[in-house]
Amino acid sequence: MRSNTKLPGAFEGASARSNTYHLIARLWLLEVDQDLLQRLLAPPLHGPFVQAGGILPSDACEQTVEQLAMEFCRLFIGPAGHLPPYQSVWETGQLQGTTIASMQRFINIAGYDCESMPGRAMLDHFGVQLAVMGHILEQVAHGQFDSAAIEAIQEFANSYFARHLRWPVELLIAASNQAKTDFYRSMIVITSEFLECEWDIFQ
Protein backbone atom coordinates (compact mmCIF):
# COMPACT_ATOMS: atom_id res chain seq x y z
CA MET A 1 0.00 0.00 0.00
CA ARG A 2 1.08 3.53 -0.68
CA SER A 3 2.13 5.58 2.33
CA ASN A 4 -0.22 8.30 3.55
CA THR A 5 2.73 10.70 3.81
CA LYS A 6 1.66 14.07 2.44
CA LEU A 7 3.88 15.18 -0.41
CA PRO A 8 5.62 18.53 0.12
CA GLY A 9 4.97 21.46 -2.20
CA ALA A 10 7.94 20.59 -4.40
CA PHE A 11 6.17 17.38 -5.39
CA GLU A 12 2.57 18.55 -5.72
CA GLY A 13 1.14 17.46 -9.06
CA ALA A 14 4.18 15.23 -9.57
CA SER A 15 2.48 12.95 -12.08
CA ALA A 16 1.31 15.72 -14.43
CA ARG A 17 4.62 17.55 -14.13
CA SER A 18 6.47 14.33 -14.90
CA ASN A 19 4.45 13.93 -18.09
CA THR A 20 5.34 17.49 -19.10
CA TYR A 21 9.04 16.87 -18.50
CA HIS A 22 8.92 13.72 -20.62
CA LEU A 23 7.11 15.44 -23.49
CA ILE A 24 9.46 18.42 -23.55
CA ALA A 25 12.43 16.04 -23.28
CA ARG A 26 11.21 14.16 -26.34
CA LEU A 27 10.88 17.41 -28.30
CA TRP A 28 14.48 18.37 -27.48
CA LEU A 29 16.01 14.95 -28.06
CA LEU A 30 14.73 14.24 -31.56
CA GLU A 31 12.97 15.93 -34.43
CA VAL A 32 9.18 15.59 -34.51
CA ASP A 33 8.07 12.54 -36.46
CA GLN A 34 4.64 12.00 -37.96
CA ASP A 35 3.40 9.86 -35.08
CA LEU A 36 4.26 12.45 -32.42
CA LEU A 37 2.84 15.30 -34.46
CA GLN A 38 -0.42 13.45 -34.94
CA ARG A 39 -0.63 12.86 -31.19
CA LEU A 40 0.02 16.56 -30.52
CA LEU A 41 -2.80 17.44 -32.91
CA ALA A 42 -5.32 15.25 -31.05
CA PRO A 43 -6.56 14.76 -27.48
CA PRO A 44 -5.26 14.39 -24.84
CA LEU A 45 -2.06 16.27 -25.78
CA HIS A 46 -3.52 18.96 -28.04
CA GLY A 47 -5.41 20.95 -25.42
CA PRO A 48 -2.66 21.20 -22.78
CA PHE A 49 0.02 21.91 -25.40
CA VAL A 50 -1.94 24.78 -26.94
CA GLN A 51 -3.00 26.14 -23.53
CA ALA A 52 0.68 26.25 -22.55
CA GLY A 53 1.35 28.45 -25.59
CA GLY A 54 2.24 25.81 -28.14
CA ILE A 55 1.58 26.60 -31.80
CA LEU A 56 0.91 23.55 -33.94
CA PRO A 57 0.79 23.15 -37.71
CA SER A 58 -2.61 22.46 -39.23
CA ASP A 59 -1.72 18.91 -40.24
CA ALA A 60 0.86 16.14 -39.91
CA CYS A 61 1.49 15.59 -43.60
CA GLU A 62 4.89 14.51 -44.89
CA GLN A 63 5.81 18.00 -46.04
CA THR A 64 5.06 19.49 -42.62
CA VAL A 65 7.08 16.82 -40.82
CA GLU A 66 9.99 17.35 -43.18
CA GLN A 67 9.91 21.12 -42.64
CA LEU A 68 10.03 20.67 -38.87
CA ALA A 69 12.81 18.09 -39.14
CA MET A 70 14.89 20.54 -41.17
CA GLU A 71 14.29 23.24 -38.56
CA PHE A 72 15.33 20.92 -35.74
CA CYS A 73 18.49 19.94 -37.61
CA ARG A 74 19.37 23.56 -38.40
CA LEU A 75 18.87 24.62 -34.79
CA PHE A 76 20.44 21.78 -32.84
CA ILE A 77 22.41 19.36 -35.04
CA GLY A 78 24.21 21.35 -37.69
CA PRO A 79 26.58 20.83 -39.42
CA ALA A 80 27.29 24.55 -38.96
CA GLY A 81 25.83 27.50 -37.07
CA HIS A 82 23.76 25.30 -34.79
CA LEU A 83 23.21 25.42 -31.02
CA PRO A 84 24.41 22.16 -29.43
CA PRO A 85 22.02 21.47 -26.52
CA TYR A 86 24.75 20.16 -24.22
CA GLN A 87 25.46 21.65 -20.81
CA SER A 88 29.22 21.06 -21.10
CA VAL A 89 29.40 23.03 -24.36
CA TRP A 90 27.64 26.06 -22.88
CA GLU A 91 29.60 25.97 -19.62
CA THR A 92 33.09 25.04 -20.80
CA GLY A 93 33.07 25.33 -24.59
CA GLN A 94 33.70 21.63 -25.13
CA LEU A 95 31.85 18.34 -24.86
CA GLN A 96 31.83 16.12 -21.77
CA GLY A 97 34.10 16.82 -18.83
CA THR A 98 32.86 17.02 -15.23
CA THR A 99 29.25 17.61 -16.31
CA ILE A 100 28.99 14.08 -17.68
CA ALA A 101 30.37 12.62 -14.44
CA SER A 102 27.87 14.65 -12.41
CA MET A 103 24.98 13.50 -14.60
CA GLN A 104 26.11 9.89 -14.26
CA ARG A 105 26.07 10.14 -10.47
CA PHE A 106 22.55 11.61 -10.42
CA ILE A 107 21.33 9.00 -12.92
CA ASN A 108 22.77 6.15 -10.86
CA ILE A 109 21.07 7.40 -7.69
CA ALA A 110 17.76 8.07 -9.44
CA GLY A 111 17.80 4.66 -11.11
CA TYR A 112 17.08 6.13 -14.53
CA ASP A 113 17.42 3.69 -17.43
CA CYS A 114 19.22 5.55 -20.21
CA GLU A 115 18.27 2.80 -22.64
CA SER A 116 14.64 3.90 -22.32
CA MET A 117 15.19 7.39 -23.71
CA PRO A 118 14.65 8.14 -27.41
CA GLY A 119 17.88 8.67 -29.30
CA ARG A 120 21.33 7.98 -27.87
CA ALA A 121 22.42 11.44 -26.79
CA MET A 122 25.21 12.07 -24.32
CA LEU A 123 24.19 12.39 -20.70
CA ASP A 124 24.44 16.18 -20.54
CA HIS A 125 22.06 16.69 -23.46
CA PHE A 126 19.30 19.04 -22.32
CA GLY A 127 16.66 16.51 -23.38
CA VAL A 128 18.24 13.78 -21.25
CA GLN A 129 18.39 16.13 -18.28
CA LEU A 130 14.69 16.91 -18.65
CA ALA A 131 13.88 13.20 -18.92
CA VAL A 132 15.78 12.44 -15.71
CA MET A 133 13.77 15.03 -13.77
CA GLY A 134 10.62 13.55 -15.28
CA HIS A 135 11.73 10.17 -13.99
CA ILE A 136 12.38 11.52 -10.49
CA LEU A 137 8.88 13.04 -10.31
CA GLU A 138 7.38 9.87 -11.76
CA GLN A 139 8.96 7.82 -8.98
CA VAL A 140 7.58 10.21 -6.39
CA ALA A 141 4.09 10.07 -7.92
CA HIS A 142 3.97 6.27 -7.90
CA GLY A 143 6.28 5.36 -5.04
CA GLN A 144 5.83 4.51 -1.39
CA PHE A 145 7.81 6.81 0.87
CA ASP A 146 7.94 7.70 4.53
CA SER A 147 8.55 11.28 5.63
CA ALA A 148 12.32 10.77 5.96
CA ALA A 149 12.58 9.37 2.44
CA ILE A 150 10.49 12.20 0.97
CA GLU A 151 12.75 14.76 2.62
CA ALA A 152 15.84 13.09 1.15
CA ILE A 153 14.26 12.84 -2.31
CA GLN A 154 13.28 16.50 -2.22
CA GLU A 155 16.84 17.49 -1.34
CA PHE A 156 18.09 15.28 -4.17
CA ALA A 157 15.63 16.79 -6.68
CA ASN A 158 16.50 20.34 -5.58
CA SER A 159 20.19 19.62 -6.01
CA TYR A 160 19.68 18.03 -9.42
CA PHE A 161 17.57 20.91 -10.71
CA ALA A 162 20.07 23.52 -9.53
CA ARG A 163 23.03 21.66 -11.04
CA HIS A 164 21.54 20.50 -14.35
CA LEU A 165 18.42 22.48 -15.25
CA ARG A 166 19.39 26.07 -14.48
CA TRP A 167 22.09 26.36 -17.15
CA PRO A 168 20.12 26.53 -20.45
CA VAL A 169 18.99 30.17 -20.23
CA GLU A 170 21.44 31.29 -22.92
CA LEU A 171 20.60 28.29 -25.09
CA LEU A 172 16.89 29.06 -24.90
CA ILE A 173 17.40 32.73 -25.75
CA ALA A 174 19.66 31.91 -28.69
CA ALA A 175 17.32 29.18 -29.97
CA SER A 176 14.33 31.52 -29.72
CA ASN A 177 16.17 34.10 -31.80
CA GLN A 178 17.14 31.56 -34.46
CA ALA A 179 13.90 29.57 -34.71
CA LYS A 180 11.87 30.24 -37.84
CA THR A 181 8.84 28.00 -37.40
CA ASP A 182 5.98 28.85 -35.05
CA PHE A 183 6.15 25.34 -33.63
CA TYR A 184 9.76 25.53 -32.47
CA ARG A 185 9.52 29.15 -31.33
CA SER A 186 6.57 28.21 -29.14
CA MET A 187 8.24 25.00 -27.93
CA ILE A 188 11.23 27.03 -26.75
CA VAL A 189 8.97 29.50 -24.92
CA ILE A 190 7.05 26.64 -23.29
CA THR A 191 10.31 25.09 -22.12
CA SER A 192 11.61 28.37 -20.69
CA GLU A 193 8.39 29.25 -18.86
CA PHE A 194 7.95 25.72 -17.53
CA LEU A 195 11.46 25.62 -16.09
CA GLU A 196 11.01 29.02 -14.46
CA CYS A 197 7.83 27.75 -12.78
CA GLU A 198 9.61 24.58 -11.72
CA TRP A 199 12.50 26.55 -10.21
CA ASP A 200 10.01 28.57 -8.16
CA ILE A 201 8.44 25.33 -6.94
CA PHE A 202 11.74 23.72 -5.97
CA GLN A 203 12.86 26.92 -4.27
C-alpha atoms as a PDB file:
ATOM      1  CA  MET A   1       0.000   0.000   0.000  1.00  0.00           C
ATOM      2  CA  ARG A   2       1.083   3.535  -0.675  1.00  0.00           C
ATOM      3  CA  SER A   3       2.134   5.583   2.332  1.00  0.00           C
ATOM      4  CA  ASN A   4      -0.217   8.304   3.550  1.00  0.00           C
ATOM      5  CA  THR A   5       2.731  10.697   3.808  1.00  0.00           C
ATOM      6  CA  LYS A   6       1.664  14.068   2.440  1.00  0.00           C
ATOM      7  CA  LEU A   7       3.881  15.183  -0.412  1.00  0.00           C
ATOM      8  CA  PRO A   8       5.617  18.534   0.125  1.00  0.00           C
ATOM      9  CA  GLY A   9       4.966  21.457  -2.202  1.00  0.00           C
ATOM     10  CA  ALA A  10       7.944  20.594  -4.404  1.00  0.00           C
ATOM     11  CA  PHE A  11       6.175  17.378  -5.388  1.00  0.00           C
ATOM     12  CA  GLU A  12       2.574  18.547  -5.720  1.00  0.00           C
ATOM     13  CA  GLY A  13       1.142  17.464  -9.057  1.00  0.00           C
ATOM     14  CA  ALA A  14       4.181  15.230  -9.567  1.00  0.00           C
ATOM     15  CA  SER A  15       2.482  12.946 -12.082  1.00  0.00           C
ATOM     16  CA  ALA A  16       1.307  15.724 -14.425  1.00  0.00           C
ATOM     17  CA  ARG A  17       4.621  17.550 -14.130  1.00  0.00           C
ATOM     18  CA  SER A  18       6.472  14.328 -14.897  1.00  0.00           C
ATOM     19  CA  ASN A  19       4.448  13.933 -18.090  1.00  0.00           C
ATOM     20  CA  THR A  20       5.340  17.495 -19.095  1.00  0.00           C
ATOM     21  CA  TYR A  21       9.040  16.867 -18.501  1.00  0.00           C
ATOM     22  CA  HIS A  22       8.920  13.716 -20.617  1.00  0.00           C
ATOM     23  CA  LEU A  23       7.107  15.438 -23.494  1.00  0.00           C
ATOM     24  CA  ILE A  24       9.460  18.417 -23.546  1.00  0.00           C
ATOM     25  CA  ALA A  25      12.428  16.043 -23.276  1.00  0.00           C
ATOM     26  CA  ARG A  26      11.213  14.160 -26.340  1.00  0.00           C
ATOM     27  CA  LEU A  27      10.882  17.412 -28.302  1.00  0.00           C
ATOM     28  CA  TRP A  28      14.479  18.372 -27.475  1.00  0.00           C
ATOM     29  CA  LEU A  29      16.009  14.947 -28.055  1.00  0.00           C
ATOM     30  CA  LEU A  30      14.725  14.238 -31.558  1.00  0.00           C
ATOM     31  CA  GLU A  31      12.967  15.929 -34.426  1.00  0.00           C
ATOM     32  CA  VAL A  32       9.183  15.594 -34.512  1.00  0.00           C
ATOM     33  CA  ASP A  33       8.070  12.539 -36.460  1.00  0.00           C
ATOM     34  CA  GLN A  34       4.644  11.998 -37.962  1.00  0.00           C
ATOM     35  CA  ASP A  35       3.398   9.860 -35.079  1.00  0.00           C
ATOM     36  CA  LEU A  36       4.265  12.454 -32.419  1.00  0.00           C
ATOM     37  CA  LEU A  37       2.843  15.304 -34.464  1.00  0.00           C
ATOM     38  CA  GLN A  38      -0.420  13.447 -34.937  1.00  0.00           C
ATOM     39  CA  ARG A  39      -0.629  12.863 -31.189  1.00  0.00           C
ATOM     40  CA  LEU A  40       0.017  16.556 -30.520  1.00  0.00           C
ATOM     41  CA  LEU A  41      -2.796  17.445 -32.909  1.00  0.00           C
ATOM     42  CA  ALA A  42      -5.320  15.253 -31.055  1.00  0.00           C
ATOM     43  CA  PRO A  43      -6.558  14.759 -27.482  1.00  0.00           C
ATOM     44  CA  PRO A  44      -5.259  14.388 -24.844  1.00  0.00           C
ATOM     45  CA  LEU A  45      -2.061  16.268 -25.783  1.00  0.00           C
ATOM     46  CA  HIS A  46      -3.518  18.958 -28.041  1.00  0.00           C
ATOM     47  CA  GLY A  47      -5.408  20.950 -25.416  1.00  0.00           C
ATOM     48  CA  PRO A  48      -2.657  21.205 -22.782  1.00  0.00           C
ATOM     49  CA  PHE A  49       0.022  21.913 -25.400  1.00  0.00           C
ATOM     50  CA  VAL A  50      -1.943  24.785 -26.942  1.00  0.00           C
ATOM     51  CA  GLN A  51      -2.996  26.138 -23.533  1.00  0.00           C
ATOM     52  CA  ALA A  52       0.679  26.254 -22.551  1.00  0.00           C
ATOM     53  CA  GLY A  53       1.350  28.445 -25.586  1.00  0.00           C
ATOM     54  CA  GLY A  54       2.242  25.806 -28.142  1.00  0.00           C
ATOM     55  CA  ILE A  55       1.581  26.600 -31.800  1.00  0.00           C
ATOM     56  CA  LEU A  56       0.906  23.551 -33.943  1.00  0.00           C
ATOM     57  CA  PRO A  57       0.791  23.147 -37.713  1.00  0.00           C
ATOM     58  CA  SER A  58      -2.608  22.462 -39.230  1.00  0.00           C
ATOM     59  CA  ASP A  59      -1.721  18.906 -40.241  1.00  0.00           C
ATOM     60  CA  ALA A  60       0.863  16.141 -39.911  1.00  0.00           C
ATOM     61  CA  CYS A  61       1.486  15.594 -43.603  1.00  0.00           C
ATOM     62  CA  GLU A  62       4.886  14.506 -44.889  1.00  0.00           C
ATOM     63  CA  GLN A  63       5.808  18.001 -46.040  1.00  0.00           C
ATOM     64  CA  THR A  64       5.061  19.492 -42.615  1.00  0.00           C
ATOM     65  CA  VAL A  65       7.076  16.820 -40.819  1.00  0.00           C
ATOM     66  CA  GLU A  66       9.993  17.354 -43.184  1.00  0.00           C
ATOM     67  CA  GLN A  67       9.910  21.124 -42.635  1.00  0.00           C
ATOM     68  CA  LEU A  68      10.028  20.668 -38.865  1.00  0.00           C
ATOM     69  CA  ALA A  69      12.814  18.093 -39.141  1.00  0.00           C
ATOM     70  CA  MET A  70      14.889  20.537 -41.172  1.00  0.00           C
ATOM     71  CA  GLU A  71      14.291  23.240 -38.563  1.00  0.00           C
ATOM     72  CA  PHE A  72      15.329  20.918 -35.737  1.00  0.00           C
ATOM     73  CA  CYS A  73      18.490  19.942 -37.608  1.00  0.00           C
ATOM     74  CA  ARG A  74      19.365  23.561 -38.402  1.00  0.00           C
ATOM     75  CA  LEU A  75      18.874  24.617 -34.794  1.00  0.00           C
ATOM     76  CA  PHE A  76      20.442  21.777 -32.836  1.00  0.00           C
ATOM     77  CA  ILE A  77      22.405  19.357 -35.041  1.00  0.00           C
ATOM     78  CA  GLY A  78      24.215  21.348 -37.692  1.00  0.00           C
ATOM     79  CA  PRO A  79      26.582  20.826 -39.424  1.00  0.00           C
ATOM     80  CA  ALA A  80      27.292  24.553 -38.955  1.00  0.00           C
ATOM     81  CA  GLY A  81      25.834  27.501 -37.068  1.00  0.00           C
ATOM     82  CA  HIS A  82      23.757  25.296 -34.788  1.00  0.00           C
ATOM     83  CA  LEU A  83      23.210  25.416 -31.020  1.00  0.00           C
ATOM     84  CA  PRO A  84      24.415  22.159 -29.425  1.00  0.00           C
ATOM     85  CA  PRO A  85      22.019  21.466 -26.518  1.00  0.00           C
ATOM     86  CA  TYR A  86      24.750  20.157 -24.220  1.00  0.00           C
ATOM     87  CA  GLN A  87      25.457  21.647 -20.813  1.00  0.00           C
ATOM     88  CA  SER A  88      29.216  21.059 -21.102  1.00  0.00           C
ATOM     89  CA  VAL A  89      29.399  23.033 -24.358  1.00  0.00           C
ATOM     90  CA  TRP A  90      27.645  26.062 -22.879  1.00  0.00           C
ATOM     91  CA  GLU A  91      29.603  25.972 -19.621  1.00  0.00           C
ATOM     92  CA  THR A  92      33.093  25.039 -20.797  1.00  0.00           C
ATOM     93  CA  GLY A  93      33.071  25.327 -24.588  1.00  0.00           C
ATOM     94  CA  GLN A  94      33.705  21.634 -25.134  1.00  0.00           C
ATOM     95  CA  LEU A  95      31.851  18.345 -24.855  1.00  0.00           C
ATOM     96  CA  GLN A  96      31.831  16.118 -21.771  1.00  0.00           C
ATOM     97  CA  GLY A  97      34.102  16.820 -18.827  1.00  0.00           C
ATOM     98  CA  THR A  98      32.864  17.020 -15.232  1.00  0.00           C
ATOM     99  CA  THR A  99      29.254  17.615 -16.306  1.00  0.00           C
ATOM    100  CA  ILE A 100      28.992  14.077 -17.679  1.00  0.00           C
ATOM    101  CA  ALA A 101      30.375  12.624 -14.441  1.00  0.00           C
ATOM    102  CA  SER A 102      27.873  14.649 -12.407  1.00  0.00           C
ATOM    103  CA  MET A 103      24.980  13.504 -14.598  1.00  0.00           C
ATOM    104  CA  GLN A 104      26.109   9.890 -14.258  1.00  0.00           C
ATOM    105  CA  ARG A 105      26.073  10.139 -10.468  1.00  0.00           C
ATOM    106  CA  PHE A 106      22.555  11.608 -10.416  1.00  0.00           C
ATOM    107  CA  ILE A 107      21.326   9.003 -12.919  1.00  0.00           C
ATOM    108  CA  ASN A 108      22.771   6.149 -10.861  1.00  0.00           C
ATOM    109  CA  ILE A 109      21.074   7.397  -7.692  1.00  0.00           C
ATOM    110  CA  ALA A 110      17.755   8.070  -9.444  1.00  0.00           C
ATOM    111  CA  GLY A 111      17.798   4.664 -11.112  1.00  0.00           C
ATOM    112  CA  TYR A 112      17.084   6.125 -14.533  1.00  0.00           C
ATOM    113  CA  ASP A 113      17.417   3.689 -17.430  1.00  0.00           C
ATOM    114  CA  CYS A 114      19.223   5.554 -20.206  1.00  0.00           C
ATOM    115  CA  GLU A 115      18.268   2.799 -22.644  1.00  0.00           C
ATOM    116  CA  SER A 116      14.638   3.896 -22.321  1.00  0.00           C
ATOM    117  CA  MET A 117      15.186   7.391 -23.709  1.00  0.00           C
ATOM    118  CA  PRO A 118      14.652   8.137 -27.414  1.00  0.00           C
ATOM    119  CA  GLY A 119      17.877   8.672 -29.301  1.00  0.00           C
ATOM    120  CA  ARG A 120      21.326   7.977 -27.874  1.00  0.00           C
ATOM    121  CA  ALA A 121      22.416  11.440 -26.790  1.00  0.00           C
ATOM    122  CA  MET A 122      25.210  12.075 -24.317  1.00  0.00           C
ATOM    123  CA  LEU A 123      24.191  12.394 -20.697  1.00  0.00           C
ATOM    124  CA  ASP A 124      24.442  16.176 -20.540  1.00  0.00           C
ATOM    125  CA  HIS A 125      22.057  16.690 -23.463  1.00  0.00           C
ATOM    126  CA  PHE A 126      19.296  19.041 -22.324  1.00  0.00           C
ATOM    127  CA  GLY A 127      16.659  16.507 -23.377  1.00  0.00           C
ATOM    128  CA  VAL A 128      18.244  13.775 -21.245  1.00  0.00           C
ATOM    129  CA  GLN A 129      18.393  16.133 -18.280  1.00  0.00           C
ATOM    130  CA  LEU A 130      14.686  16.906 -18.651  1.00  0.00           C
ATOM    131  CA  ALA A 131      13.881  13.200 -18.916  1.00  0.00           C
ATOM    132  CA  VAL A 132      15.779  12.437 -15.711  1.00  0.00           C
ATOM    133  CA  MET A 133      13.771  15.028 -13.773  1.00  0.00           C
ATOM    134  CA  GLY A 134      10.619  13.554 -15.280  1.00  0.00           C
ATOM    135  CA  HIS A 135      11.729  10.167 -13.992  1.00  0.00           C
ATOM    136  CA  ILE A 136      12.376  11.523 -10.488  1.00  0.00           C
ATOM    137  CA  LEU A 137       8.880  13.045 -10.314  1.00  0.00           C
ATOM    138  CA  GLU A 138       7.380   9.865 -11.761  1.00  0.00           C
ATOM    139  CA  GLN A 139       8.965   7.817  -8.983  1.00  0.00           C
ATOM    140  CA  VAL A 140       7.581  10.212  -6.385  1.00  0.00           C
ATOM    141  CA  ALA A 141       4.093  10.073  -7.917  1.00  0.00           C
ATOM    142  CA  HIS A 142       3.974   6.267  -7.904  1.00  0.00           C
ATOM    143  CA  GLY A 143       6.275   5.363  -5.041  1.00  0.00           C
ATOM    144  CA  GLN A 144       5.829   4.511  -1.392  1.00  0.00           C
ATOM    145  CA  PHE A 145       7.809   6.814   0.875  1.00  0.00           C
ATOM    146  CA  ASP A 146       7.935   7.704   4.534  1.00  0.00           C
ATOM    147  CA  SER A 147       8.555  11.282   5.631  1.00  0.00           C
ATOM    148  CA  ALA A 148      12.316  10.770   5.963  1.00  0.00           C
ATOM    149  CA  ALA A 149      12.578   9.367   2.440  1.00  0.00           C
ATOM    150  CA  ILE A 150      10.490  12.205   0.971  1.00  0.00           C
ATOM    151  CA  GLU A 151      12.748  14.762   2.624  1.00  0.00           C
ATOM    152  CA  ALA A 152      15.838  13.094   1.154  1.00  0.00           C
ATOM    153  CA  ILE A 153      14.263  12.841  -2.308  1.00  0.00           C
ATOM    154  CA  GLN A 154      13.275  16.501  -2.222  1.00  0.00           C
ATOM    155  CA  GLU A 155      16.844  17.490  -1.339  1.00  0.00           C
ATOM    156  CA  PHE A 156      18.089  15.275  -4.173  1.00  0.00           C
ATOM    157  CA  ALA A 157      15.629  16.787  -6.680  1.00  0.00           C
ATOM    158  CA  ASN A 158      16.498  20.339  -5.581  1.00  0.00           C
ATOM    159  CA  SER A 159      20.194  19.620  -6.011  1.00  0.00           C
ATOM    160  CA  TYR A 160      19.675  18.027  -9.425  1.00  0.00           C
ATOM    161  CA  PHE A 161      17.566  20.909 -10.710  1.00  0.00           C
ATOM    162  CA  ALA A 162      20.072  23.524  -9.528  1.00  0.00           C
ATOM    163  CA  ARG A 163      23.026  21.658 -11.041  1.00  0.00           C
ATOM    164  CA  HIS A 164      21.537  20.499 -14.349  1.00  0.00           C
ATOM    165  CA  LEU A 165      18.419  22.480 -15.245  1.00  0.00           C
ATOM    166  CA  ARG A 166      19.390  26.072 -14.479  1.00  0.00           C
ATOM    167  CA  TRP A 167      22.092  26.357 -17.149  1.00  0.00           C
ATOM    168  CA  PRO A 168      20.116  26.529 -20.454  1.00  0.00           C
ATOM    169  CA  VAL A 169      18.987  30.166 -20.228  1.00  0.00           C
ATOM    170  CA  GLU A 170      21.438  31.294 -22.916  1.00  0.00           C
ATOM    171  CA  LEU A 171      20.602  28.287 -25.091  1.00  0.00           C
ATOM    172  CA  LEU A 172      16.885  29.057 -24.898  1.00  0.00           C
ATOM    173  CA  ILE A 173      17.396  32.731 -25.750  1.00  0.00           C
ATOM    174  CA  ALA A 174      19.655  31.907 -28.689  1.00  0.00           C
ATOM    175  CA  ALA A 175      17.316  29.184 -29.968  1.00  0.00           C
ATOM    176  CA  SER A 176      14.331  31.517 -29.720  1.00  0.00           C
ATOM    177  CA  ASN A 177      16.173  34.097 -31.796  1.00  0.00           C
ATOM    178  CA  GLN A 178      17.138  31.562 -34.457  1.00  0.00           C
ATOM    179  CA  ALA A 179      13.897  29.568 -34.706  1.00  0.00           C
ATOM    180  CA  LYS A 180      11.871  30.245 -37.843  1.00  0.00           C
ATOM    181  CA  THR A 181       8.838  27.996 -37.401  1.00  0.00           C
ATOM    182  CA  ASP A 182       5.982  28.852 -35.046  1.00  0.00           C
ATOM    183  CA  PHE A 183       6.151  25.337 -33.633  1.00  0.00           C
ATOM    184  CA  TYR A 184       9.763  25.533 -32.467  1.00  0.00           C
ATOM    185  CA  ARG A 185       9.524  29.153 -31.332  1.00  0.00           C
ATOM    186  CA  SER A 186       6.571  28.210 -29.142  1.00  0.00           C
ATOM    187  CA  MET A 187       8.239  25.005 -27.927  1.00  0.00           C
ATOM    188  CA  ILE A 188      11.231  27.025 -26.749  1.00  0.00           C
ATOM    189  CA  VAL A 189       8.971  29.499 -24.922  1.00  0.00           C
ATOM    190  CA  ILE A 190       7.046  26.643 -23.285  1.00  0.00           C
ATOM    191  CA  THR A 191      10.313  25.093 -22.118  1.00  0.00           C
ATOM    192  CA  SER A 192      11.606  28.366 -20.693  1.00  0.00           C
ATOM    193  CA  GLU A 193       8.394  29.250 -18.862  1.00  0.00           C
ATOM    194  CA  PHE A 194       7.949  25.722 -17.527  1.00  0.00           C
ATOM    195  CA  LEU A 195      11.462  25.618 -16.086  1.00  0.00           C
ATOM    196  CA  GLU A 196      11.010  29.018 -14.456  1.00  0.00           C
ATOM    197  CA  CYS A 197       7.833  27.755 -12.785  1.00  0.00           C
ATOM    198  CA  GLU A 198       9.609  24.577 -11.719  1.00  0.00           C
ATOM    199  CA  TRP A 199      12.497  26.547 -10.209  1.00  0.00           C
ATOM    200  CA  ASP A 200      10.009  28.565  -8.163  1.00  0.00           C
ATOM    201  CA  ILE A 201       8.442  25.328  -6.942  1.00  0.00           C
ATOM    202  CA  PHE A 202      11.744  23.718  -5.967  1.00  0.00           C
ATOM    203  CA  GLN A 203      12.858  26.920  -4.270  1.00  0.00           C
END
